[in-house]
Protein backbone atom coordinates (compact mmCIF):
# COMPACT_ATOMS: atom_id res chain seq x y z
CA MET A 1 50.28 34.60 -12.64
CA ASN A 2 51.46 34.93 -16.26
CA ASP A 3 52.11 32.23 -18.83
CA ALA A 4 55.84 32.06 -18.05
CA HIS A 5 54.99 31.28 -14.43
CA TRP A 6 52.35 28.74 -15.35
CA HIS A 7 54.77 27.11 -17.82
CA LEU A 8 57.36 26.71 -15.09
CA VAL A 9 54.72 25.22 -12.78
CA VAL A 10 53.39 22.61 -15.21
CA ASN A 11 56.34 21.73 -17.45
CA HIS A 12 58.08 19.38 -15.04
CA PHE A 13 55.31 16.80 -14.66
CA PRO A 14 55.34 15.47 -18.24
CA ILE A 15 59.04 14.66 -17.70
CA ILE A 16 59.03 13.39 -14.20
CA GLY A 17 55.63 11.75 -14.53
CA THR A 18 56.71 9.83 -17.61
CA ILE A 19 59.91 8.57 -15.91
CA LEU A 20 57.95 7.50 -12.84
CA ALA A 21 55.15 5.89 -14.88
CA LEU A 22 57.67 3.90 -16.96
CA GLY A 23 59.32 2.48 -13.82
CA ILE A 24 55.92 1.59 -12.31
CA LEU A 25 54.79 -0.04 -15.57
CA ILE A 26 57.93 -2.13 -15.75
CA ALA A 27 57.40 -3.17 -12.15
CA GLY A 28 53.79 -4.06 -12.92
CA LEU A 29 54.93 -6.30 -15.76
CA PHE A 30 57.41 -8.09 -13.57
CA LEU A 31 54.90 -8.45 -10.75
CA LYS A 32 52.10 -9.39 -13.22
CA ASN A 33 49.90 -6.98 -11.33
CA ASN A 34 47.20 -5.15 -13.31
CA SER A 35 46.58 -2.56 -10.49
CA VAL A 36 50.25 -1.53 -10.69
CA LYS A 37 50.11 -1.32 -14.45
CA ASN A 38 46.91 0.73 -14.31
CA THR A 39 48.61 3.10 -11.89
CA ALA A 40 51.33 3.60 -14.50
CA TYR A 41 48.74 4.10 -17.20
CA VAL A 42 46.98 6.79 -15.17
CA LEU A 43 50.31 8.57 -14.66
CA PHE A 44 51.00 8.48 -18.41
CA ILE A 45 47.58 10.00 -19.03
CA VAL A 46 48.18 12.72 -16.48
CA ALA A 47 51.62 13.36 -18.06
CA ALA A 48 49.90 13.81 -21.42
CA ILE A 49 47.41 16.26 -19.92
CA PHE A 50 50.23 18.27 -18.37
CA ALA A 51 52.00 18.17 -21.68
CA ALA A 52 49.01 19.95 -23.25
CA PHE A 53 49.12 22.52 -20.45
CA SER A 54 52.84 23.02 -21.02
CA MET A 55 52.30 23.47 -24.77
CA ALA A 56 49.45 25.93 -24.10
CA THR A 57 51.61 28.09 -21.79
CA GLY A 58 54.86 27.79 -23.76
CA GLU A 59 54.04 30.40 -26.37
CA GLY A 60 53.25 33.03 -23.68
CA ALA A 61 56.44 32.13 -21.84
CA GLU A 62 58.41 32.51 -25.04
CA GLU A 63 57.05 35.97 -25.63
CA MET A 64 58.16 37.06 -22.15
CA VAL A 65 61.81 35.85 -22.36
CA GLU A 66 62.83 35.71 -26.03
CA ASP A 67 64.31 39.20 -26.06
CA MET A 68 66.16 38.88 -22.78
CA PRO A 69 70.00 39.07 -22.93
CA THR A 70 71.71 35.66 -23.28
CA ILE A 71 68.52 33.89 -24.37
CA GLY A 72 67.69 34.50 -27.98
CA LYS A 73 65.11 33.04 -30.27
CA ARG A 74 67.25 30.14 -31.59
CA ILE A 75 67.51 28.30 -28.26
CA ILE A 76 63.78 28.78 -27.60
CA HIS A 77 62.92 27.55 -31.04
CA GLU A 78 65.03 24.40 -30.44
CA HIS A 79 63.24 23.73 -27.17
CA GLU A 80 59.83 24.30 -28.80
CA GLU A 81 60.56 21.86 -31.65
CA ILE A 82 61.64 19.11 -29.23
CA ALA A 83 58.70 19.86 -26.95
CA GLU A 84 56.23 19.44 -29.82
CA LYS A 85 57.70 15.98 -30.51
CA LEU A 86 57.38 15.01 -26.80
CA ALA A 87 53.80 16.19 -26.71
CA ILE A 88 52.88 13.99 -29.69
CA VAL A 89 54.61 10.99 -28.12
CA LEU A 90 52.86 11.60 -24.78
CA TYR A 91 49.48 11.98 -26.45
CA LEU A 92 50.10 8.66 -28.18
CA LEU A 93 51.15 7.15 -24.91
CA GLY A 94 48.10 8.52 -23.20
CA GLY A 95 45.90 6.87 -25.82
CA ILE A 96 47.77 3.56 -25.42
CA SER A 97 47.29 3.90 -21.68
CA VAL A 98 43.52 4.35 -21.98
CA LEU A 99 43.47 1.21 -24.14
CA GLY A 100 45.64 -0.60 -21.59
CA ILE A 101 43.33 0.23 -18.72
CA ILE A 102 40.28 -0.95 -20.67
CA LEU A 103 41.97 -4.18 -21.69
CA ASN A 104 43.19 -4.81 -18.14
CA LEU A 105 39.74 -4.24 -16.73
CA LYS A 106 38.34 -6.74 -19.22
CA ASN A 107 41.20 -9.23 -18.68
CA HIS A 108 41.68 -9.19 -22.41
CA ALA A 109 44.33 -11.39 -24.02
CA LYS A 110 45.99 -8.37 -25.70
CA ALA A 111 46.51 -6.51 -22.40
CA LYS A 112 50.07 -7.75 -21.95
CA PHE A 113 50.92 -6.82 -25.59
CA ILE A 114 49.61 -3.28 -24.94
CA SER A 115 51.76 -3.12 -21.82
CA ILE A 116 54.87 -4.00 -23.82
CA VAL A 117 53.96 -1.40 -26.49
CA ALA A 118 53.56 1.16 -23.71
CA VAL A 119 56.98 0.32 -22.29
CA ILE A 120 58.60 0.71 -25.74
CA VAL A 121 56.80 4.04 -26.40
CA GLY A 122 57.53 5.06 -22.81
CA ILE A 123 61.32 4.51 -23.27
CA GLY A 124 61.16 6.74 -26.33
CA ALA A 125 59.16 9.27 -24.44
CA VAL A 126 61.71 9.32 -21.57
CA TYR A 127 64.48 9.91 -24.06
CA VAL A 128 62.66 12.80 -25.73
CA ALA A 129 61.64 14.13 -22.30
CA GLN A 130 65.30 14.30 -21.31
CA LEU A 131 66.06 16.31 -24.45
CA VAL A 132 63.15 18.71 -23.70
CA GLY A 133 64.22 19.14 -20.12
CA THR A 134 67.80 19.81 -21.08
CA SER A 135 66.87 22.30 -23.82
CA GLY A 136 64.40 24.06 -21.51
CA GLY A 137 66.95 24.35 -18.75
CA GLU A 138 69.47 25.83 -21.15
CA ILE A 139 67.13 28.74 -21.88
CA ARG A 140 67.81 30.34 -18.48
CA HIS A 141 70.77 28.34 -17.19
CA THR A 142 73.62 29.34 -19.48
CA GLU A 143 76.07 27.28 -17.40
CA ILE A 144 74.64 23.97 -18.72
CA ARG A 145 74.78 24.90 -22.41
CA ALA A 146 77.09 22.79 -24.55
CA THR A 147 78.54 25.88 -26.30
CA ASN A 148 79.23 29.32 -25.00
CA GLU A 149 78.15 31.18 -28.18
CA ASN A 150 75.06 32.48 -26.39
CA ASN A 151 77.08 33.38 -23.31
CA ALA A 152 78.88 36.07 -25.28
CA LEU A 153 76.14 38.50 -24.39
CA VAL A 154 76.81 38.17 -20.70
CA PRO A 155 78.98 41.01 -19.51
CA GLU A 156 82.22 39.98 -17.81
CA LYS A 157 82.67 40.79 -14.21
CA SER A 158 84.29 44.14 -13.74
CA THR A 159 87.24 44.51 -11.48
CA PRO A 160 86.39 46.44 -8.30
CA LEU A 161 87.58 50.04 -8.19
CA LYS A 162 90.54 50.68 -5.98
CA ASP A 163 90.16 53.14 -3.17
CA GLU A 164 91.79 56.38 -4.12
């Protein structure tokens, strides 16, 4: 398997995992259940690890597709810039999650505060994750792009030849 394939395998979990973890963390806050909150924290940590894998394979994936018709370097660069921001947010969220687990295990007074911080950062992460997912999808799925300027390279369907 090459980097492009690995990138496609690992790049979905930082997005989906962050969304799931945020929902679980909010549920854990409402239920006042540390086990549920710790589950969310573990998912945030795993999402951060997968973000590192996605970043590591992204460059190789870029090299494989950047010269393909209808793709271009601009759209890949946009995706890369947003993905770097998401990775930073997820690394931060992973660190907050480690702290949250430790504080929950010690029944520390600041555990609830860290949970609220994690929710706020998690909401921001979900927003950036949506941007990353959309920009990544636009690389190969020209039909979801906001503008058709990159679609100009796609040849139009030719009319079938008539039987002579």
